[in-house]
Each structure stands twice: as structure tokens, then as C-alpha cells.
């Protein structure tokens, strides 16, 4: 009987330690950053645990809330997630702004800046672009906006029934919910993410002209 009790105690201790380690793994530093910057719950209910590498020209990297300028992020970045994967595994990449037109009055949350689906492995250029890339365009005096990148693993290659959005118009970009989109296509929770913040600079009027916005005070992206 004594031997059985000792074995039970050892097993119980093992389970307790395992639970603690597992819980520590869930609350990753990346998830903590998403919560501290209120991306959880403003954009998604649960944070990813994996880091998404995002780099713009001149080796400018996105690093969990660092401040970049609209000029620095005007072109499509290089995006990469590091784990090994098969080209038969497909992913969805999204970039959204939850702070349009401002963080204090986010009536256009979320603004869809970029959406690429059916990405084989991490080869973004081979994916299906649903929303062409539009860089940061926060309005003058609207403060810092958060720009959030998320990657979701797809259960398989998917036929996405969504309108194609080019980068010459703002049509169908406001009020986008990446959470609802993921739920609609059974994408579960994001597996990786990153984000930066930006505020107005002199590139913003150029971007608005590209998007066909005549009254730059009426819409902020």
C-alpha cells in the first residue's frame, strides 16, 4: 500500500509541474505584448504565441509596438514565419488598423490594409491576394495608430468568397473584422503576429490621393 501511495504522489507532483509549465508556455511574451497594447481584445480575443517577422526596405523591422513612419511602411514588406512547414500547408496573412480614424474614436475599426490567403508555407508572394497592400495613413492630429499583422493556419486550401480590393480605392476596407473572417473560414486562432504604431507624416496626403480620397479630413486609414 505504501508503494502505491508513493507512486501516486510522484504522479500527482508530475502532473502539477507539467500543468505549470504548460500554463507558462501559453502566456508567452508575445501574447503579453498583444494584451499590454490592447490588441487583445480590440482586434482578437486570443493572442498568438509565435512571432511574425516583418521587415520593410532599408532593414526597417516591426518589433511589437515600435514607432515607424508612413513613409517607411509605404511599400509591401517582407513577411516570414520561421517554423518548418510543408508547401501543402496554407496560411492567411492580414494587416489591420483598429484605430481608424483615431484610437479614442475608432468608428472605422478595423481598417483592412492587407489580406493574403492560400499562402503555401511562408511564400506570401505565391498566395492569393484578396486586399492589396495599403500602407499606414493616420490622419493629421489623430495620434498613434496600431497596425497589426496576424497569420492564421488554414485547415486546407480554401475558396474564399470575398471581393477583391485594389490599392486605388477604400471601398469595402472599413469595418473589417479579422476575427469574423477567421471564424467564417474555420481558421481558429492566429499562430503568429506582430505590430507597429505610426502617426501622420507628409506621405499621408500622397497615399490619400492614391486611394481617391478627396477630402483628407473625412477619412483616416
C-alpha atoms as a PDB file:
ATOM      1  CA  UNK A   1       0.000   0.000   0.000  1.00  0.00           C
ATOM      2  CA  UNK A   2       2.863   2.335   0.893  1.00  0.00           C
ATOM      3  CA  UNK A   3       4.456   1.809  -2.515  1.00  0.00           C
ATOM      4  CA  UNK A   4       1.207   2.612  -4.268  1.00  0.00           C
ATOM      5  CA  UNK A   5       0.751   5.815  -2.279  1.00  0.00           C
ATOM      6  CA  UNK A   6       4.298   6.920  -3.050  1.00  0.00           C
ATOM      7  CA  UNK A   7       3.756   6.307  -6.770  1.00  0.00           C
ATOM      8  CA  UNK A   8       0.509   8.253  -6.654  1.00  0.00           C
ATOM      9  CA  UNK A   9       2.261  11.186  -5.003  1.00  0.00           C
ATOM     10  CA  UNK A  10       5.033  11.155  -7.607  1.00  0.00           C
ATOM     11  CA  UNK A  11       2.443  11.074 -10.390  1.00  0.00           C
ATOM     12  CA  UNK A  12       0.484  13.919  -8.822  1.00  0.00           C
ATOM     13  CA  UNK A  13       3.603  16.080  -8.490  1.00  0.00           C
ATOM     14  CA  UNK A  14       4.475  15.339 -12.097  1.00  0.00           C
ATOM     15  CA  UNK A  15       1.028  16.456 -13.244  1.00  0.00           C
ATOM     16  CA  UNK A  16       1.197  19.670 -11.207  1.00  0.00           C
ATOM     17  CA  UNK A  17       4.626  20.562 -12.593  1.00  0.00           C
ATOM     18  CA  UNK A  18       3.525  19.732 -16.132  1.00  0.00           C
ATOM     19  CA  UNK A  19       0.419  21.934 -15.764  1.00  0.00           C
ATOM     20  CA  UNK A  20       2.531  24.839 -14.547  1.00  0.00           C
ATOM     21  CA  UNK A  21       4.991  24.510 -17.430  1.00  0.00           C
ATOM     22  CA  UNK A  22       2.134  24.226 -19.924  1.00  0.00           C
ATOM     23  CA  UNK A  23       0.459  27.334 -18.480  1.00  0.00           C
ATOM     24  CA  UNK A  24       3.736  29.254 -18.668  1.00  0.00           C
ATOM     25  CA  UNK A  25       4.072  28.308 -22.321  1.00  0.00           C
ATOM     26  CA  UNK A  26       0.589  29.613 -23.092  1.00  0.00           C
ATOM     27  CA  UNK A  27       1.265  33.071 -21.612  1.00  0.00           C
ATOM     28  CA  UNK A  28       4.156  33.866 -23.932  1.00  0.00           C
ATOM     29  CA  UNK A  29       5.983  37.206 -24.063  1.00  0.00           C
ATOM     30  CA  UNK A  30       4.364  37.808 -27.453  1.00  0.00           C
ATOM     31  CA  UNK A  31       0.897  37.271 -26.033  1.00  0.00           C
ATOM     32  CA  UNK A  32       1.781  39.638 -23.189  1.00  0.00           C
ATOM     33  CA  UNK A  33       2.687  42.375 -25.692  1.00  0.00           C
ATOM     34  CA  UNK A  34      -0.627  41.931 -27.507  1.00  0.00           C
ATOM     35  CA  UNK A  35      -2.521  42.218 -24.233  1.00  0.00           C
ATOM     36  CA  UNK A  36      -0.495  45.155 -22.913  1.00  0.00           C
ATOM     37  CA  UNK A  37      -1.211  47.103 -26.108  1.00  0.00           C
ATOM     38  CA  UNK A  38      -4.887  46.069 -26.052  1.00  0.00           C
ATOM     39  CA  UNK A  39      -4.766  44.329 -29.412  1.00  0.00           C
ATOM     40  CA  UNK A  40      -6.469  41.753 -27.247  1.00  0.00           C
ATOM     41  CA  UNK A  41      -9.410  42.484 -27.119  1.00  0.00           C
ATOM     42  CA  UNK A  42      -9.585  45.359 -29.647  1.00  0.00           C
ATOM     43  CA  UNK A  43      -8.727  43.123 -32.622  1.00  0.00           C
ATOM     44  CA  UNK A  44      -8.776  39.496 -31.487  1.00  0.00           C
ATOM     45  CA  UNK A  45      -9.875  37.684 -28.323  1.00  0.00           C
ATOM     46  CA  UNK A  46      -6.759  35.498 -28.035  1.00  0.00           C
ATOM     47  CA  UNK A  47      -3.157  36.432 -28.821  1.00  0.00           C
ATOM     48  CA  UNK A  48      -0.785  34.360 -30.942  1.00  0.00           C
ATOM     49  CA  UNK A  49       2.255  32.767 -29.344  1.00  0.00           C
ATOM     50  CA  UNK A  50       4.514  32.932 -32.404  1.00  0.00           C
ATOM     51  CA  UNK A  51       6.491  35.910 -33.677  1.00  0.00           C
ATOM     52  CA  UNK A  52       5.888  37.126 -37.207  1.00  0.00           C
ATOM     53  CA  UNK A  53       8.962  38.721 -38.784  1.00  0.00           C
ATOM     54  CA  UNK A  54       8.053  41.835 -40.787  1.00  0.00           C
ATOM     55  CA  UNK A  55      10.740  43.931 -42.500  1.00  0.00           C
ATOM     56  CA  UNK A  56      10.449  46.956 -44.764  1.00  0.00           C
ATOM     57  CA  UNK A  57      13.047  48.455 -47.080  1.00  0.00           C
ATOM     58  CA  UNK A  58      16.339  49.634 -45.547  1.00  0.00           C
ATOM     59  CA  UNK A  59      16.080  46.785 -42.999  1.00  0.00           C
ATOM     60  CA  UNK A  60      13.362  48.531 -41.002  1.00  0.00           C
ATOM     61  CA  UNK A  61      11.758  45.883 -38.798  1.00  0.00           C
ATOM     62  CA  UNK A  62       8.454  45.725 -36.991  1.00  0.00           C
ATOM     63  CA  UNK A  63       9.024  44.937 -33.338  1.00  0.00           C
ATOM     64  CA  UNK A  64       5.932  44.744 -31.110  1.00  0.00           C
ATOM     65  CA  UNK A  65       4.855  48.355 -30.949  1.00  0.00           C
ATOM     66  CA  UNK A  66       7.890  50.253 -32.208  1.00  0.00           C
ATOM     67  CA  UNK A  67       7.062  53.519 -33.961  1.00  0.00           C
ATOM     68  CA  UNK A  68       7.543  53.683 -37.731  1.00  0.00           C
ATOM     69  CA  UNK A  69       6.516  56.397 -40.182  1.00  0.00           C
ATOM     70  CA  UNK A  70       4.002  56.113 -43.039  1.00  0.00           C
ATOM     71  CA  UNK A  71       6.901  56.890 -45.378  1.00  0.00           C
ATOM     72  CA  UNK A  72       8.880  53.930 -44.046  1.00  0.00           C
ATOM     73  CA  UNK A  73       5.980  51.480 -44.445  1.00  0.00           C
ATOM     74  CA  UNK A  74       4.546  52.629 -47.783  1.00  0.00           C
ATOM     75  CA  UNK A  75       5.764  49.558 -49.702  1.00  0.00           C
ATOM     76  CA  UNK A  76       4.911  45.873 -49.233  1.00  0.00           C
ATOM     77  CA  UNK A  77       7.105  44.372 -46.510  1.00  0.00           C
ATOM     78  CA  UNK A  78       8.895  41.051 -46.422  1.00  0.00           C
ATOM     79  CA  UNK A  79       6.983  38.776 -44.060  1.00  0.00           C
ATOM     80  CA  UNK A  80       8.229  35.475 -42.714  1.00  0.00           C
ATOM     81  CA  UNK A  81       7.378  32.977 -40.001  1.00  0.00           C
ATOM     82  CA  UNK A  82      10.204  30.651 -39.048  1.00  0.00           C
ATOM     83  CA  UNK A  83       8.852  27.213 -38.329  1.00  0.00           C
ATOM     84  CA  UNK A  84       9.218  24.325 -40.758  1.00  0.00           C
ATOM     85  CA  UNK A  85       6.209  23.563 -42.904  1.00  0.00           C
ATOM     86  CA  UNK A  86       5.090  21.741 -45.992  1.00  0.00           C
ATOM     87  CA  UNK A  87       4.164  23.653 -49.175  1.00  0.00           C
ATOM     88  CA  UNK A  88       0.870  21.758 -48.872  1.00  0.00           C
ATOM     89  CA  UNK A  89       0.049  23.736 -45.707  1.00  0.00           C
ATOM     90  CA  UNK A  90      -1.776  27.002 -46.316  1.00  0.00           C
ATOM     91  CA  UNK A  91      -1.870  30.228 -44.344  1.00  0.00           C
ATOM     92  CA  UNK A  92      -3.724  33.555 -44.265  1.00  0.00           C
ATOM     93  CA  UNK A  93      -1.935  36.851 -43.571  1.00  0.00           C
ATOM     94  CA  UNK A  94      -3.769  40.018 -42.511  1.00  0.00           C
ATOM     95  CA  UNK A  95      -2.816  43.584 -41.591  1.00  0.00           C
ATOM     96  CA  UNK A  96      -5.420  45.786 -39.891  1.00  0.00           C
ATOM     97  CA  UNK A  97      -5.699  49.154 -38.166  1.00  0.00           C
ATOM     98  CA  UNK A  98      -8.038  49.112 -35.143  1.00  0.00           C
ATOM     99  CA  UNK A  99      -7.584  52.864 -34.578  1.00  0.00           C
ATOM    100  CA  UNK A 100      -9.317  54.422 -37.588  1.00  0.00           C
ATOM    101  CA  UNK A 101      -9.984  57.290 -37.574  1.00  0.00           C
ATOM    102  CA  UNK A 102      -8.405  57.548 -34.102  1.00  0.00           C
ATOM    103  CA  UNK A 103      -7.789  55.351 -31.108  1.00  0.00           C
ATOM    104  CA  UNK A 104     -10.138  57.419 -28.963  1.00  0.00           C
ATOM    105  CA  UNK A 105     -12.966  57.253 -31.543  1.00  0.00           C
ATOM    106  CA  UNK A 106     -12.383  54.070 -33.611  1.00  0.00           C
ATOM    107  CA  UNK A 107     -15.586  54.252 -35.662  1.00  0.00           C
ATOM    108  CA  UNK A 108     -13.917  52.603 -38.688  1.00  0.00           C
ATOM    109  CA  UNK A 109     -12.332  49.721 -36.748  1.00  0.00           C
ATOM    110  CA  UNK A 110     -10.828  47.613 -38.241  1.00  0.00           C
ATOM    111  CA  UNK A 111      -9.394  49.059 -41.467  1.00  0.00           C
ATOM    112  CA  UNK A 112      -8.270  46.282 -43.820  1.00  0.00           C
ATOM    113  CA  UNK A 113      -4.761  47.161 -45.013  1.00  0.00           C
ATOM    114  CA  UNK A 114      -3.704  43.810 -46.459  1.00  0.00           C
ATOM    115  CA  UNK A 115      -5.174  40.338 -46.807  1.00  0.00           C
ATOM    116  CA  UNK A 116      -3.450  37.392 -48.494  1.00  0.00           C
ATOM    117  CA  UNK A 117      -4.854  33.869 -48.335  1.00  0.00           C
ATOM    118  CA  UNK A 118      -3.895  30.377 -49.514  1.00  0.00           C
ATOM    119  CA  UNK A 119      -0.228  31.113 -48.852  1.00  0.00           C
ATOM    120  CA  UNK A 120       1.754  27.891 -49.410  1.00  0.00           C
ATOM    121  CA  UNK A 121       4.145  27.579 -46.495  1.00  0.00           C
ATOM    122  CA  UNK A 122       5.509  31.069 -45.829  1.00  0.00           C
ATOM    123  CA  UNK A 123       5.733  32.080 -49.503  1.00  0.00           C
ATOM    124  CA  UNK A 124       3.489  35.144 -49.326  1.00  0.00           C
ATOM    125  CA  UNK A 125       4.129  36.113 -52.954  1.00  0.00           C
ATOM    126  CA  UNK A 126       2.546  32.816 -54.018  1.00  0.00           C
ATOM    127  CA  UNK A 127      -0.636  33.418 -52.038  1.00  0.00           C
ATOM    128  CA  UNK A 128      -4.000  34.719 -53.199  1.00  0.00           C
ATOM    129  CA  UNK A 129      -4.245  38.470 -52.588  1.00  0.00           C
ATOM    130  CA  UNK A 130      -7.758  39.483 -51.569  1.00  0.00           C
ATOM    131  CA  UNK A 131      -6.891  43.013 -50.404  1.00  0.00           C
ATOM    132  CA  UNK A 132      -3.854  44.679 -51.958  1.00  0.00           C
ATOM    133  CA  UNK A 133      -1.376  46.262 -49.575  1.00  0.00           C
ATOM    134  CA  UNK A 134      -2.068  49.804 -48.387  1.00  0.00           C
ATOM    135  CA  UNK A 135       0.442  51.381 -46.028  1.00  0.00           C
ATOM    136  CA  UNK A 136      -0.272  53.359 -42.880  1.00  0.00           C
ATOM    137  CA  UNK A 137      -2.283  56.547 -43.361  1.00  0.00           C
ATOM    138  CA  UNK A 138      -3.207  58.013 -39.976  1.00  0.00           C
ATOM    139  CA  UNK A 139      -4.904  61.389 -40.210  1.00  0.00           C
ATOM    140  CA  UNK A 140      -3.228  64.564 -39.047  1.00  0.00           C
ATOM    141  CA  UNK A 141      -3.575  65.070 -35.295  1.00  0.00           C
ATOM    142  CA  UNK A 142      -5.212  61.643 -34.896  1.00  0.00           C
ATOM    143  CA  UNK A 143      -2.347  60.353 -32.771  1.00  0.00           C
ATOM    144  CA  UNK A 144      -0.636  56.993 -32.948  1.00  0.00           C
ATOM    145  CA  UNK A 145      -2.420  54.134 -34.712  1.00  0.00           C
ATOM    146  CA  UNK A 146      -1.672  50.453 -34.154  1.00  0.00           C
ATOM    147  CA  UNK A 147      -1.026  48.381 -37.291  1.00  0.00           C
ATOM    148  CA  UNK A 148      -1.412  44.693 -36.566  1.00  0.00           C
ATOM    149  CA  UNK A 149      -0.117  41.726 -38.585  1.00  0.00           C
ATOM    150  CA  UNK A 150      -1.631  38.290 -37.999  1.00  0.00           C
ATOM    151  CA  UNK A 151      -1.066  34.864 -39.541  1.00  0.00           C
ATOM    152  CA  UNK A 152      -3.619  32.047 -39.412  1.00  0.00           C
ATOM    153  CA  UNK A 153      -3.130  28.432 -40.402  1.00  0.00           C
ATOM    154  CA  UNK A 154      -5.832  27.217 -42.766  1.00  0.00           C
ATOM    155  CA  UNK A 155      -7.324  23.722 -42.449  1.00  0.00           C
ATOM    156  CA  UNK A 156      -6.769  23.295 -46.212  1.00  0.00           C
ATOM    157  CA  UNK A 157      -6.726  25.314 -49.396  1.00  0.00           C
ATOM    158  CA  UNK A 158      -9.924  27.388 -49.361  1.00  0.00           C
ATOM    159  CA  UNK A 159     -12.162  29.026 -51.947  1.00  0.00           C
ATOM    160  CA  UNK A 160     -12.610  32.497 -50.424  1.00  0.00           C
ATOM    161  CA  UNK A 161     -15.863  34.180 -51.354  1.00  0.00           C
ATOM    162  CA  UNK A 162     -14.669  37.747 -50.830  1.00  0.00           C
ATOM    163  CA  UNK A 163     -14.464  40.857 -53.062  1.00  0.00           C
ATOM    164  CA  UNK A 164     -11.045  41.721 -54.444  1.00  0.00           C
ATOM    165  CA  UNK A 165      -9.779  45.063 -53.102  1.00  0.00           C
ATOM    166  CA  UNK A 166      -7.190  47.018 -55.073  1.00  0.00           C
ATOM    167  CA  UNK A 167      -4.934  49.709 -53.608  1.00  0.00           C
ATOM    168  CA  UNK A 168      -6.580  52.551 -55.543  1.00  0.00           C
ATOM    169  CA  UNK A 169      -9.783  52.682 -53.529  1.00  0.00           C
ATOM    170  CA  UNK A 170     -11.046  52.496 -49.961  1.00  0.00           C
ATOM    171  CA  UNK A 171     -14.144  50.523 -50.945  1.00  0.00           C
ATOM    172  CA  UNK A 172     -15.001  47.668 -48.538  1.00  0.00           C
ATOM    173  CA  UNK A 173     -11.981  48.271 -46.311  1.00  0.00           C
ATOM    174  CA  UNK A 174     -13.561  49.880 -43.241  1.00  0.00           C
ATOM    175  CA  UNK A 175     -15.265  47.918 -40.500  1.00  0.00           C
ATOM    176  CA  UNK A 176     -13.398  44.716 -41.343  1.00  0.00           C
ATOM    177  CA  UNK A 177     -13.276  42.066 -38.613  1.00  0.00           C
ATOM    178  CA  UNK A 178     -10.395  39.639 -38.959  1.00  0.00           C
ATOM    179  CA  UNK A 179     -11.942  37.676 -36.096  1.00  0.00           C
ATOM    180  CA  UNK A 180     -15.208  37.199 -38.006  1.00  0.00           C
ATOM    181  CA  UNK A 181     -13.288  36.426 -41.185  1.00  0.00           C
ATOM    182  CA  UNK A 182     -11.269  33.727 -39.420  1.00  0.00           C
ATOM    183  CA  UNK A 183     -14.402  32.275 -37.865  1.00  0.00           C
ATOM    184  CA  UNK A 184     -16.197  32.238 -41.230  1.00  0.00           C
ATOM    185  CA  UNK A 185     -13.429  30.174 -42.830  1.00  0.00           C
ATOM    186  CA  UNK A 186     -12.604  27.992 -39.806  1.00  0.00           C
ATOM    187  CA  UNK A 187      -9.108  29.417 -39.297  1.00  0.00           C
ATOM    188  CA  UNK A 188      -9.063  29.087 -35.488  1.00  0.00           C
ATOM    189  CA  UNK A 189      -6.766  31.483 -33.569  1.00  0.00           C
ATOM    190  CA  UNK A 190      -3.744  33.248 -35.105  1.00  0.00           C
ATOM    191  CA  UNK A 191      -0.471  31.358 -34.877  1.00  0.00           C
ATOM    192  CA  UNK A 192       1.843  34.366 -35.230  1.00  0.00           C
ATOM    193  CA  UNK A 193       1.708  38.143 -35.141  1.00  0.00           C
ATOM    194  CA  UNK A 194       3.450  41.471 -34.740  1.00  0.00           C
ATOM    195  CA  UNK A 195       2.559  45.164 -34.798  1.00  0.00           C
ATOM    196  CA  UNK A 196       3.899  48.702 -35.052  1.00  0.00           C
ATOM    197  CA  UNK A 197       2.494  52.162 -34.379  1.00  0.00           C
ATOM    198  CA  UNK A 198       2.540  55.189 -36.677  1.00  0.00           C
ATOM    199  CA  UNK A 199       1.293  58.739 -36.838  1.00  0.00           C
ATOM    200  CA  UNK A 200       0.816  61.284 -39.612  1.00  0.00           C
ATOM    201  CA  UNK A 201       3.690  62.403 -41.825  1.00  0.00           C
ATOM    202  CA  UNK A 202       3.960  64.094 -45.237  1.00  0.00           C
ATOM    203  CA  UNK A 203       3.435  60.840 -47.139  1.00  0.00           C
ATOM    204  CA  UNK A 204      -0.174  60.511 -45.949  1.00  0.00           C
ATOM    205  CA  UNK A 205      -1.667  63.036 -48.447  1.00  0.00           C
ATOM    206  CA  UNK A 206       0.091  61.134 -51.254  1.00  0.00           C
ATOM    207  CA  UNK A 207      -1.483  57.889 -50.058  1.00  0.00           C
ATOM    208  CA  UNK A 208      -4.917  59.505 -49.827  1.00  0.00           C
ATOM    209  CA  UNK A 209      -4.593  60.734 -53.405  1.00  0.00           C
ATOM    210  CA  UNK A 210      -3.721  57.175 -54.487  1.00  0.00           C
ATOM    211  CA  UNK A 211      -6.849  55.927 -52.723  1.00  0.00           C
ATOM    212  CA  UNK A 212      -9.036  58.557 -54.366  1.00  0.00           C
ATOM    213  CA  UNK A 213      -9.833  60.366 -51.128  1.00  0.00           C
ATOM    214  CA  UNK A 214     -10.621  63.985 -51.980  1.00  0.00           C
ATOM    215  CA  UNK A 215     -11.429  65.224 -48.505  1.00  0.00           C
ATOM    216  CA  UNK A 216      -8.475  64.074 -46.428  1.00  0.00           C
ATOM    217  CA  UNK A 217     -10.177  65.238 -43.231  1.00  0.00           C
ATOM    218  CA  UNK A 218     -13.135  62.886 -43.675  1.00  0.00           C
ATOM    219  CA  UNK A 219     -11.434  59.500 -43.729  1.00  0.00           C
ATOM    220  CA  UNK A 220      -8.322  58.318 -41.957  1.00  0.00           C
ATOM    221  CA  UNK A 221      -6.639  54.986 -42.515  1.00  0.00           C
END
